[in-house]
ModelCIF file with pLDDT and N, C-alpha, C, O atoms, coordinates in Angstrom:
data_MODEL
#
_entry.id   MODEL 
#
_entity.id                         1 
_entity.type                       polymer 
_entity.pdbx_number_of_molecules   1 
#
_entity_poly.entity_id                      1 
_entity_poly.type                           'polypeptide(L)' 
_entity_poly.nstd_linkage                   no 
_entity_poly.nstd_monomer                   no 
_entity_poly.pdbx_seq_one_letter_code       
;(UNK)(UNK)(UNK)(UNK)(UNK)(UNK)(UNK)(UNK)(UNK)(UNK)(UNK)(UNK)(UNK)(UNK)(UNK)(UNK)
(UNK)(UNK)(UNK)(UNK)(UNK)(UNK)(UNK)(UNK)(UNK)(UNK)(UNK)(UNK)(UNK)(UNK)(UNK)(UNK)
(UNK)(UNK)(UNK)(UNK)(UNK)(UNK)(UNK)(UNK)(UNK)(UNK)(UNK)(UNK)(UNK)
;
_entity_poly.pdbx_seq_one_letter_code_can   XXXXXXXXXXXXXXXXXXXXXXXXXXXXXXXXXXXXXXXXXXXXX 
_entity_poly.pdbx_strand_id                 A 
#
loop_
_entity_poly_seq.entity_id 
_entity_poly_seq.num 
_entity_poly_seq.mon_id 
_entity_poly_seq.hetero 
1 1  UNK n 
1 2  UNK n 
1 3  UNK n 
1 4  UNK n 
1 5  UNK n 
1 6  UNK n 
1 7  UNK n 
1 8  UNK n 
1 9  UNK n 
1 10 UNK n 
1 11 UNK n 
1 12 UNK n 
1 13 UNK n 
1 14 UNK n 
1 15 UNK n 
1 16 UNK n 
1 17 UNK n 
1 18 UNK n 
1 19 UNK n 
1 20 UNK n 
1 21 UNK n 
1 22 UNK n 
1 23 UNK n 
1 24 UNK n 
1 25 UNK n 
1 26 UNK n 
1 27 UNK n 
1 28 UNK n 
1 29 UNK n 
1 30 UNK n 
1 31 UNK n 
1 32 UNK n 
1 33 UNK n 
1 34 UNK n 
1 35 UNK n 
1 36 UNK n 
1 37 UNK n 
1 38 UNK n 
1 39 UNK n 
1 40 UNK n 
1 41 UNK n 
1 42 UNK n 
1 43 UNK n 
1 44 UNK n 
1 45 UNK n 
#
_struct_asym.id          A 
_struct_asym.entity_id   1 
#
loop_
_ma_qa_metric.id 
_ma_qa_metric.mode 
_ma_qa_metric.name 
_ma_qa_metric.software_group_id 
_ma_qa_metric.type 
1 global pLDDT . pLDDT 
2 local  pLDDT . pLDDT 
#
_ma_qa_metric_global.metric_id      1 
_ma_qa_metric_global.metric_value   83.62 
_ma_qa_metric_global.model_id       1 
_ma_qa_metric_global.ordinal_id     1 
#
loop_
_ma_qa_metric_local.label_asym_id 
_ma_qa_metric_local.label_comp_id 
_ma_qa_metric_local.label_seq_id 
_ma_qa_metric_local.metric_id 
_ma_qa_metric_local.metric_value 
_ma_qa_metric_local.model_id 
_ma_qa_metric_local.ordinal_id 
A UNK 1  2 86.00 1 1  
A UNK 2  2 87.00 1 2  
A UNK 3  2 88.00 1 3  
A UNK 4  2 86.00 1 4  
A UNK 5  2 86.00 1 5  
A UNK 6  2 89.00 1 6  
A UNK 7  2 88.00 1 7  
A UNK 8  2 87.00 1 8  
A UNK 9  2 91.00 1 9  
A UNK 10 2 92.00 1 10 
A UNK 11 2 89.00 1 11 
A UNK 12 2 91.00 1 12 
A UNK 13 2 94.00 1 13 
A UNK 14 2 92.00 1 14 
A UNK 15 2 89.00 1 15 
A UNK 16 2 93.00 1 16 
A UNK 17 2 94.00 1 17 
A UNK 18 2 91.00 1 18 
A UNK 19 2 90.00 1 19 
A UNK 20 2 92.00 1 20 
A UNK 21 2 87.00 1 21 
A UNK 22 2 71.00 1 22 
A UNK 23 2 51.00 1 23 
A UNK 24 2 43.00 1 24 
A UNK 25 2 39.00 1 25 
A UNK 26 2 41.00 1 26 
A UNK 27 2 43.00 1 27 
A UNK 28 2 46.00 1 28 
A UNK 29 2 57.00 1 29 
A UNK 30 2 74.00 1 30 
A UNK 31 2 92.00 1 31 
A UNK 32 2 92.00 1 32 
A UNK 33 2 94.00 1 33 
A UNK 34 2 94.00 1 34 
A UNK 35 2 94.00 1 35 
A UNK 36 2 96.00 1 36 
A UNK 37 2 95.00 1 37 
A UNK 38 2 95.00 1 38 
A UNK 39 2 96.00 1 39 
A UNK 40 2 96.00 1 40 
A UNK 41 2 95.00 1 41 
A UNK 42 2 95.00 1 42 
A UNK 43 2 96.00 1 43 
A UNK 44 2 94.00 1 44 
A UNK 45 2 92.00 1 45 
#
loop_
_atom_site.group_PDB 
_atom_site.id 
_atom_site.type_symbol 
_atom_site.label_atom_id 
_atom_site.label_alt_id 
_atom_site.label_comp_id 
_atom_site.label_asym_id 
_atom_site.label_entity_id 
_atom_site.label_seq_id 
_atom_site.pdbx_PDB_ins_code 
_atom_site.Cartn_x 
_atom_site.Cartn_y 
_atom_site.Cartn_z 
_atom_site.occupancy 
_atom_site.B_iso_or_equiv 
_atom_site.pdbx_formal_charge 
_atom_site.auth_seq_id 
_atom_site.auth_comp_id 
_atom_site.auth_asym_id 
_atom_site.auth_atom_id 
_atom_site.pdbx_PDB_model_num 
ATOM 1   N N  . UNK A 1 1  ? 0.847  -1.201  0.000  1.00 86.00 ? 1  UNK A N  1 
ATOM 2   C CA . UNK A 1 1  ? 0.000  0.000   0.000  1.00 86.00 ? 1  UNK A CA 1 
ATOM 3   C C  . UNK A 1 1  ? 0.880  1.247   0.000  1.00 86.00 ? 1  UNK A C  1 
ATOM 4   O O  . UNK A 1 1  ? 1.964  1.253   0.583  1.00 86.00 ? 1  UNK A O  1 
ATOM 5   N N  . UNK A 1 2  ? 0.404  2.300   -0.657 1.00 87.00 ? 2  UNK A N  1 
ATOM 6   C CA . UNK A 1 2  ? 1.132  3.561   -0.677 1.00 87.00 ? 2  UNK A CA 1 
ATOM 7   C C  . UNK A 1 2  ? 1.151  4.164   0.730  1.00 87.00 ? 2  UNK A C  1 
ATOM 8   O O  . UNK A 1 2  ? 0.219  3.985   1.515  1.00 87.00 ? 2  UNK A O  1 
ATOM 9   N N  . UNK A 1 3  ? 2.230  4.879   1.024  1.00 88.00 ? 3  UNK A N  1 
ATOM 10  C CA . UNK A 1 3  ? 2.379  5.412   2.387  1.00 88.00 ? 3  UNK A CA 1 
ATOM 11  C C  . UNK A 1 3  ? 1.320  6.445   2.750  1.00 88.00 ? 3  UNK A C  1 
ATOM 12  O O  . UNK A 1 3  ? 1.125  6.739   3.929  1.00 88.00 ? 3  UNK A O  1 
ATOM 13  N N  . UNK A 1 4  ? 0.629  7.003   1.746  1.00 86.00 ? 4  UNK A N  1 
ATOM 14  C CA . UNK A 1 4  ? -0.431 7.969   2.047  1.00 86.00 ? 4  UNK A CA 1 
ATOM 15  C C  . UNK A 1 4  ? -1.655 7.281   2.656  1.00 86.00 ? 4  UNK A C  1 
ATOM 16  O O  . UNK A 1 4  ? -2.458 7.935   3.322  1.00 86.00 ? 4  UNK A O  1 
ATOM 17  N N  . UNK A 1 5  ? -1.809 5.970   2.436  1.00 86.00 ? 5  UNK A N  1 
ATOM 18  C CA . UNK A 1 5  ? -2.873 5.200   3.082  1.00 86.00 ? 5  UNK A CA 1 
ATOM 19  C C  . UNK A 1 5  ? -2.339 4.746   4.447  1.00 86.00 ? 5  UNK A C  1 
ATOM 20  O O  . UNK A 1 5  ? -1.871 3.617   4.593  1.00 86.00 ? 5  UNK A O  1 
ATOM 21  N N  . UNK A 1 6  ? -2.413 5.612   5.412  1.00 89.00 ? 6  UNK A N  1 
ATOM 22  C CA . UNK A 1 6  ? -1.663 5.431   6.654  1.00 89.00 ? 6  UNK A CA 1 
ATOM 23  C C  . UNK A 1 6  ? -2.002 4.148   7.400  1.00 89.00 ? 6  UNK A C  1 
ATOM 24  O O  . UNK A 1 6  ? -1.109 3.425   7.842  1.00 89.00 ? 6  UNK A O  1 
ATOM 25  N N  . UNK A 1 7  ? -3.304 3.867   7.541  1.00 88.00 ? 7  UNK A N  1 
ATOM 26  C CA . UNK A 1 7  ? -3.696 2.679   8.296  1.00 88.00 ? 7  UNK A CA 1 
ATOM 27  C C  . UNK A 1 7  ? -3.170 1.420   7.622  1.00 88.00 ? 7  UNK A C  1 
ATOM 28  O O  . UNK A 1 7  ? -2.598 0.552   8.281  1.00 88.00 ? 7  UNK A O  1 
ATOM 29  N N  . UNK A 1 8  ? -3.361 1.321   6.314  1.00 87.00 ? 8  UNK A N  1 
ATOM 30  C CA . UNK A 1 8  ? -2.886 0.148   5.575  1.00 87.00 ? 8  UNK A CA 1 
ATOM 31  C C  . UNK A 1 8  ? -1.363 0.071   5.603  1.00 87.00 ? 8  UNK A C  1 
ATOM 32  O O  . UNK A 1 8  ? -0.799 -1.004  5.805  1.00 87.00 ? 8  UNK A O  1 
ATOM 33  N N  . UNK A 1 9  ? -0.698 1.199   5.402  1.00 91.00 ? 9  UNK A N  1 
ATOM 34  C CA . UNK A 1 9  ? 0.767  1.206   5.390  1.00 91.00 ? 9  UNK A CA 1 
ATOM 35  C C  . UNK A 1 9  ? 1.317  0.781   6.746  1.00 91.00 ? 9  UNK A C  1 
ATOM 36  O O  . UNK A 1 9  ? 2.261  -0.006  6.814  1.00 91.00 ? 9  UNK A O  1 
ATOM 37  N N  . UNK A 1 10 ? 0.733  1.296   7.825  1.00 92.00 ? 10 UNK A N  1 
ATOM 38  C CA . UNK A 1 10 ? 1.203  0.928   9.160  1.00 92.00 ? 10 UNK A CA 1 
ATOM 39  C C  . UNK A 1 10 ? 0.975  -0.556  9.434  1.00 92.00 ? 10 UNK A C  1 
ATOM 40  O O  . UNK A 1 10 ? 1.813  -1.222  10.042 1.00 92.00 ? 10 UNK A O  1 
ATOM 41  N N  . UNK A 1 11 ? -0.175 -1.069  8.975  1.00 89.00 ? 11 UNK A N  1 
ATOM 42  C CA . UNK A 1 11 ? -0.462 -2.495  9.161  1.00 89.00 ? 11 UNK A CA 1 
ATOM 43  C C  . UNK A 1 11 ? 0.539  -3.352  8.409  1.00 89.00 ? 11 UNK A C  1 
ATOM 44  O O  . UNK A 1 11 ? 1.041  -4.338  8.949  1.00 89.00 ? 11 UNK A O  1 
ATOM 45  N N  . UNK A 1 12 ? 0.834  -2.991  7.173  1.00 91.00 ? 12 UNK A N  1 
ATOM 46  C CA . UNK A 1 12 ? 1.780  -3.757  6.364  1.00 91.00 ? 12 UNK A CA 1 
ATOM 47  C C  . UNK A 1 12 ? 3.199  -3.651  6.909  1.00 91.00 ? 12 UNK A C  1 
ATOM 48  O O  . UNK A 1 12 ? 3.958  -4.619  6.870  1.00 91.00 ? 12 UNK A O  1 
ATOM 49  N N  . UNK A 1 13 ? 3.556  -2.470  7.417  1.00 94.00 ? 13 UNK A N  1 
ATOM 50  C CA . UNK A 1 13 ? 4.877  -2.303  8.012  1.00 94.00 ? 13 UNK A CA 1 
ATOM 51  C C  . UNK A 1 13 ? 4.999  -3.147  9.274  1.00 94.00 ? 13 UNK A C  1 
ATOM 52  O O  . UNK A 1 13 ? 6.054  -3.717  9.552  1.00 94.00 ? 13 UNK A O  1 
ATOM 53  N N  . UNK A 1 14 ? 3.903  -3.224  10.041 1.00 92.00 ? 14 UNK A N  1 
ATOM 54  C CA . UNK A 1 14 ? 3.904  -4.091  11.219 1.00 92.00 ? 14 UNK A CA 1 
ATOM 55  C C  . UNK A 1 14 ? 4.074  -5.553  10.849 1.00 92.00 ? 14 UNK A C  1 
ATOM 56  O O  . UNK A 1 14 ? 4.764  -6.298  11.545 1.00 92.00 ? 14 UNK A O  1 
ATOM 57  N N  . UNK A 1 15 ? 3.439  -5.973  9.743  1.00 89.00 ? 15 UNK A N  1 
ATOM 58  C CA . UNK A 1 15 ? 3.592  -7.356  9.280  1.00 89.00 ? 15 UNK A CA 1 
ATOM 59  C C  . UNK A 1 15 ? 5.032  -7.615  8.859  1.00 89.00 ? 15 UNK A C  1 
ATOM 60  O O  . UNK A 1 15 ? 5.580  -8.680  9.146  1.00 89.00 ? 15 UNK A O  1 
ATOM 61  N N  . UNK A 1 16 ? 5.647  -6.652  8.182  1.00 93.00 ? 16 UNK A N  1 
ATOM 62  C CA . UNK A 1 16 ? 7.047  -6.795  7.767  1.00 93.00 ? 16 UNK A CA 1 
ATOM 63  C C  . UNK A 1 16 ? 7.963  -6.891  8.989  1.00 93.00 ? 16 UNK A C  1 
ATOM 64  O O  . UNK A 1 16 ? 8.916  -7.670  8.997  1.00 93.00 ? 16 UNK A O  1 
ATOM 65  N N  . UNK A 1 17 ? 7.671  -6.106  10.006 1.00 94.00 ? 17 UNK A N  1 
ATOM 66  C CA . UNK A 1 17 ? 8.466  -6.124  11.246 1.00 94.00 ? 17 UNK A CA 1 
ATOM 67  C C  . UNK A 1 17 ? 8.389  -7.504  11.900 1.00 94.00 ? 17 UNK A C  1 
ATOM 68  O O  . UNK A 1 17 ? 9.393  -8.029  12.381 1.00 94.00 ? 17 UNK A O  1 
ATOM 69  N N  . UNK A 1 18 ? 7.189  -8.084  11.914 1.00 91.00 ? 18 UNK A N  1 
ATOM 70  C CA . UNK A 1 18 ? 7.010  -9.415  12.506 1.00 91.00 ? 18 UNK A CA 1 
ATOM 71  C C  . UNK A 1 18 ? 7.734  -10.479 11.688 1.00 91.00 ? 18 UNK A C  1 
ATOM 72  O O  . UNK A 1 18 ? 8.326  -11.401 12.249 1.00 91.00 ? 18 UNK A O  1 
ATOM 73  N N  . UNK A 1 19 ? 7.687  -10.353 10.365 1.00 90.00 ? 19 UNK A N  1 
ATOM 74  C CA . UNK A 1 19 ? 8.365  -11.320 9.499  1.00 90.00 ? 19 UNK A CA 1 
ATOM 75  C C  . UNK A 1 19 ? 9.867  -11.292 9.756  1.00 90.00 ? 19 UNK A C  1 
ATOM 76  O O  . UNK A 1 19 ? 10.488 -12.344 9.899  1.00 90.00 ? 19 UNK A O  1 
ATOM 77  N N  . UNK A 1 20 ? 10.454 -10.105 9.816  1.00 92.00 ? 20 UNK A N  1 
ATOM 78  C CA . UNK A 1 20 ? 11.898 -10.003 10.021 1.00 92.00 ? 20 UNK A CA 1 
ATOM 79  C C  . UNK A 1 20 ? 12.294 -10.389 11.446 1.00 92.00 ? 20 UNK A C  1 
ATOM 80  O O  . UNK A 1 20 ? 13.398 -10.887 11.670 1.00 92.00 ? 20 UNK A O  1 
ATOM 81  N N  . UNK A 1 21 ? 11.407 -10.164 12.398 1.00 87.00 ? 21 UNK A N  1 
ATOM 82  C CA . UNK A 1 21 ? 11.741 -10.420 13.794 1.00 87.00 ? 21 UNK A CA 1 
ATOM 83  C C  . UNK A 1 21 ? 11.325 -11.773 14.303 1.00 87.00 ? 21 UNK A C  1 
ATOM 84  O O  . UNK A 1 21 ? 11.533 -12.076 15.478 1.00 87.00 ? 21 UNK A O  1 
ATOM 85  N N  . UNK A 1 22 ? 10.728 -12.620 13.435 1.00 71.00 ? 22 UNK A N  1 
ATOM 86  C CA . UNK A 1 22 ? 10.259 -13.930 13.896 1.00 71.00 ? 22 UNK A CA 1 
ATOM 87  C C  . UNK A 1 22 ? 11.407 -14.786 14.387 1.00 71.00 ? 22 UNK A C  1 
ATOM 88  O O  . UNK A 1 22 ? 12.358 -15.036 13.647 1.00 71.00 ? 22 UNK A O  1 
ATOM 89  N N  . UNK A 1 23 ? 11.330 -15.231 15.609 1.00 51.00 ? 23 UNK A N  1 
ATOM 90  C CA . UNK A 1 23 ? 12.387 -16.066 16.181 1.00 51.00 ? 23 UNK A CA 1 
ATOM 91  C C  . UNK A 1 23 ? 12.246 -17.519 15.785 1.00 51.00 ? 23 UNK A C  1 
ATOM 92  O O  . UNK A 1 23 ? 11.133 -18.034 15.681 1.00 51.00 ? 23 UNK A O  1 
ATOM 93  N N  . UNK A 1 24 ? 13.338 -18.164 15.569 1.00 43.00 ? 24 UNK A N  1 
ATOM 94  C CA . UNK A 1 24 ? 13.354 -19.599 15.285 1.00 43.00 ? 24 UNK A CA 1 
ATOM 95  C C  . UNK A 1 24 ? 13.737 -20.373 16.524 1.00 43.00 ? 24 UNK A C  1 
ATOM 96  O O  . UNK A 1 24 ? 13.708 -19.844 17.635 1.00 43.00 ? 24 UNK A O  1 
ATOM 97  N N  . UNK A 1 25 ? 14.099 -21.636 16.331 1.00 39.00 ? 25 UNK A N  1 
ATOM 98  C CA . UNK A 1 25 ? 14.440 -22.477 17.482 1.00 39.00 ? 25 UNK A CA 1 
ATOM 99  C C  . UNK A 1 25 ? 15.733 -22.039 18.139 1.00 39.00 ? 25 UNK A C  1 
ATOM 100 O O  . UNK A 1 25 ? 15.935 -22.262 19.332 1.00 39.00 ? 25 UNK A O  1 
ATOM 101 N N  . UNK A 1 26 ? 16.607 -21.418 17.369 1.00 41.00 ? 26 UNK A N  1 
ATOM 102 C CA . UNK A 1 26 ? 17.915 -21.013 17.917 1.00 41.00 ? 26 UNK A CA 1 
ATOM 103 C C  . UNK A 1 26 ? 18.090 -19.493 17.886 1.00 41.00 ? 26 UNK A C  1 
ATOM 104 O O  . UNK A 1 26 ? 19.206 -18.990 18.019 1.00 41.00 ? 26 UNK A O  1 
ATOM 105 N N  . UNK A 1 27 ? 17.012 -18.783 17.716 1.00 43.00 ? 27 UNK A N  1 
ATOM 106 C CA . UNK A 1 27 ? 17.128 -17.328 17.535 1.00 43.00 ? 27 UNK A CA 1 
ATOM 107 C C  . UNK A 1 27 ? 16.023 -16.605 18.293 1.00 43.00 ? 27 UNK A C  1 
ATOM 108 O O  . UNK A 1 27 ? 14.847 -16.957 18.193 1.00 43.00 ? 27 UNK A O  1 
ATOM 109 N N  . UNK A 1 28 ? 16.421 -15.591 19.053 1.00 46.00 ? 28 UNK A N  1 
ATOM 110 C CA . UNK A 1 28 ? 15.435 -14.798 19.791 1.00 46.00 ? 28 UNK A CA 1 
ATOM 111 C C  . UNK A 1 28 ? 14.702 -13.881 18.831 1.00 46.00 ? 28 UNK A C  1 
ATOM 112 O O  . UNK A 1 28 ? 15.247 -13.433 17.823 1.00 46.00 ? 28 UNK A O  1 
ATOM 113 N N  . UNK A 1 29 ? 13.442 -13.615 19.177 1.00 57.00 ? 29 UNK A N  1 
ATOM 114 C CA . UNK A 1 29 ? 12.638 -12.735 18.322 1.00 57.00 ? 29 UNK A CA 1 
ATOM 115 C C  . UNK A 1 29 ? 13.152 -11.305 18.408 1.00 57.00 ? 29 UNK A C  1 
ATOM 116 O O  . UNK A 1 29 ? 13.697 -10.888 19.430 1.00 57.00 ? 29 UNK A O  1 
ATOM 117 N N  . UNK A 1 30 ? 12.970 -10.557 17.317 1.00 74.00 ? 30 UNK A N  1 
ATOM 118 C CA . UNK A 1 30 ? 13.380 -9.160  17.294 1.00 74.00 ? 30 UNK A CA 1 
ATOM 119 C C  . UNK A 1 30 ? 14.099 -8.831  16.009 1.00 74.00 ? 30 UNK A C  1 
ATOM 120 O O  . UNK A 1 30 ? 14.776 -9.680  15.429 1.00 74.00 ? 30 UNK A O  1 
ATOM 121 N N  . UNK A 1 31 ? 13.949 -7.570  15.553 1.00 92.00 ? 31 UNK A N  1 
ATOM 122 C CA . UNK A 1 31 ? 14.617 -7.123  14.330 1.00 92.00 ? 31 UNK A CA 1 
ATOM 123 C C  . UNK A 1 31 ? 15.937 -6.466  14.711 1.00 92.00 ? 31 UNK A C  1 
ATOM 124 O O  . UNK A 1 31 ? 15.965 -5.542  15.525 1.00 92.00 ? 31 UNK A O  1 
ATOM 125 N N  . UNK A 1 32 ? 17.021 -6.940  14.128 1.00 92.00 ? 32 UNK A N  1 
ATOM 126 C CA . UNK A 1 32 ? 18.320 -6.324  14.421 1.00 92.00 ? 32 UNK A CA 1 
ATOM 127 C C  . UNK A 1 32 ? 18.651 -5.289  13.347 1.00 92.00 ? 32 UNK A C  1 
ATOM 128 O O  . UNK A 1 32 ? 18.005 -5.217  12.301 1.00 92.00 ? 32 UNK A O  1 
ATOM 129 N N  . UNK A 1 33 ? 19.670 -4.498  13.638 1.00 94.00 ? 33 UNK A N  1 
ATOM 130 C CA . UNK A 1 33 ? 20.044 -3.414  12.747 1.00 94.00 ? 33 UNK A CA 1 
ATOM 131 C C  . UNK A 1 33 ? 20.490 -3.884  11.380 1.00 94.00 ? 33 UNK A C  1 
ATOM 132 O O  . UNK A 1 33 ? 20.323 -3.162  10.397 1.00 94.00 ? 33 UNK A O  1 
ATOM 133 N N  . UNK A 1 34 ? 21.055 -5.081  11.294 1.00 94.00 ? 34 UNK A N  1 
ATOM 134 C CA . UNK A 1 34 ? 21.525 -5.585  9.999  1.00 94.00 ? 34 UNK A CA 1 
ATOM 135 C C  . UNK A 1 34 ? 20.353 -5.852  9.058  1.00 94.00 ? 34 UNK A C  1 
ATOM 136 O O  . UNK A 1 34 ? 20.378 -5.430  7.903  1.00 94.00 ? 34 UNK A O  1 
ATOM 137 N N  . UNK A 1 35 ? 19.324 -6.553  9.547  1.00 94.00 ? 35 UNK A N  1 
ATOM 138 C CA . UNK A 1 35 ? 18.161 -6.840  8.703  1.00 94.00 ? 35 UNK A CA 1 
ATOM 139 C C  . UNK A 1 35 ? 17.399 -5.558  8.363  1.00 94.00 ? 35 UNK A C  1 
ATOM 140 O O  . UNK A 1 35 ? 16.905 -5.394  7.247  1.00 94.00 ? 35 UNK A O  1 
ATOM 141 N N  . UNK A 1 36 ? 17.313 -4.660  9.330  1.00 96.00 ? 36 UNK A N  1 
ATOM 142 C CA . UNK A 1 36 ? 16.648 -3.368  9.107  1.00 96.00 ? 36 UNK A CA 1 
ATOM 143 C C  . UNK A 1 36 ? 17.329 -2.601  7.979  1.00 96.00 ? 36 UNK A C  1 
ATOM 144 O O  . UNK A 1 36 ? 16.665 -2.093  7.076  1.00 96.00 ? 36 UNK A O  1 
ATOM 145 N N  . UNK A 1 37 ? 18.667 -2.520  8.033  1.00 95.00 ? 37 UNK A N  1 
ATOM 146 C CA . UNK A 1 37 ? 19.414 -1.800  6.999  1.00 95.00 ? 37 UNK A CA 1 
ATOM 147 C C  . UNK A 1 37 ? 19.293 -2.484  5.649  1.00 95.00 ? 37 UNK A C  1 
ATOM 148 O O  . UNK A 1 37 ? 19.201 -1.814  4.621  1.00 95.00 ? 37 UNK A O  1 
ATOM 149 N N  . UNK A 1 38 ? 19.293 -3.816  5.641  1.00 95.00 ? 38 UNK A N  1 
ATOM 150 C CA . UNK A 1 38 ? 19.144 -4.553  4.377  1.00 95.00 ? 38 UNK A CA 1 
ATOM 151 C C  . UNK A 1 38 ? 17.792 -4.262  3.745  1.00 95.00 ? 38 UNK A C  1 
ATOM 152 O O  . UNK A 1 38 ? 17.697 -4.110  2.527  1.00 95.00 ? 38 UNK A O  1 
ATOM 153 N N  . UNK A 1 39 ? 16.743 -4.183  4.560  1.00 96.00 ? 39 UNK A N  1 
ATOM 154 C CA . UNK A 1 39 ? 15.415 -3.886  4.023  1.00 96.00 ? 39 UNK A CA 1 
ATOM 155 C C  . UNK A 1 39 ? 15.382 -2.488  3.418  1.00 96.00 ? 39 UNK A C  1 
ATOM 156 O O  . UNK A 1 39 ? 14.825 -2.297  2.337  1.00 96.00 ? 39 UNK A O  1 
ATOM 157 N N  . UNK A 1 40 ? 15.967 -1.514  4.096  1.00 96.00 ? 40 UNK A N  1 
ATOM 158 C CA . UNK A 1 40 ? 15.982 -0.146  3.571  1.00 96.00 ? 40 UNK A CA 1 
ATOM 159 C C  . UNK A 1 40 ? 16.757 -0.069  2.254  1.00 96.00 ? 40 UNK A C  1 
ATOM 160 O O  . UNK A 1 40 ? 16.337 0.615   1.321  1.00 96.00 ? 40 UNK A O  1 
ATOM 161 N N  . UNK A 1 41 ? 17.878 -0.768  2.187  1.00 95.00 ? 41 UNK A N  1 
ATOM 162 C CA . UNK A 1 41 ? 18.647 -0.789  0.929  1.00 95.00 ? 41 UNK A CA 1 
ATOM 163 C C  . UNK A 1 41 ? 17.830 -1.422  -0.190 1.00 95.00 ? 41 UNK A C  1 
ATOM 164 O O  . UNK A 1 41 ? 17.875 -0.965  -1.332 1.00 95.00 ? 41 UNK A O  1 
ATOM 165 N N  . UNK A 1 42 ? 17.086 -2.470  0.137  1.00 95.00 ? 42 UNK A N  1 
ATOM 166 C CA . UNK A 1 42 ? 16.263 -3.137  -0.877 1.00 95.00 ? 42 UNK A CA 1 
ATOM 167 C C  . UNK A 1 42 ? 15.161 -2.219  -1.383 1.00 95.00 ? 42 UNK A C  1 
ATOM 168 O O  . UNK A 1 42 ? 14.874 -2.196  -2.580 1.00 95.00 ? 42 UNK A O  1 
ATOM 169 N N  . UNK A 1 43 ? 14.545 -1.464  -0.485 1.00 96.00 ? 43 UNK A N  1 
ATOM 170 C CA . UNK A 1 43 ? 13.487 -0.526  -0.886 1.00 96.00 ? 43 UNK A CA 1 
ATOM 171 C C  . UNK A 1 43 ? 14.051 0.500   -1.865 1.00 96.00 ? 43 UNK A C  1 
ATOM 172 O O  . UNK A 1 43 ? 13.456 0.761   -2.910 1.00 96.00 ? 43 UNK A O  1 
ATOM 173 N N  . UNK A 1 44 ? 15.193 1.075   -1.526 1.00 94.00 ? 44 UNK A N  1 
ATOM 174 C CA . UNK A 1 44 ? 15.800 2.101   -2.386 1.00 94.00 ? 44 UNK A CA 1 
ATOM 175 C C  . UNK A 1 44 ? 16.255 1.506   -3.709 1.00 94.00 ? 44 UNK A C  1 
ATOM 176 O O  . UNK A 1 44 ? 16.115 2.135   -4.757 1.00 94.00 ? 44 UNK A O  1 
ATOM 177 N N  . UNK A 1 45 ? 16.800 0.291   -3.663 1.00 92.00 ? 45 UNK A N  1 
ATOM 178 C CA . UNK A 1 45 ? 17.298 -0.336  -4.887 1.00 92.00 ? 45 UNK A CA 1 
ATOM 179 C C  . UNK A 1 45 ? 16.154 -0.704  -5.822 1.00 92.00 ? 45 UNK A C  1 
ATOM 180 O O  . UNK A 1 45 ? 16.390 -1.243  -6.903 1.00 92.00 ? 45 UNK A O  1 
#
């Protein structure tokens, strides 16, 4: 969704945050700076 659709954009951004922060069997939940920066680079690219 376009960022001007605030409710939808915030919901989708929250889903992306959960996807990146999903913990596995050997990994604690949470988004680290490396994945965050990679996502921003991907958006710009």
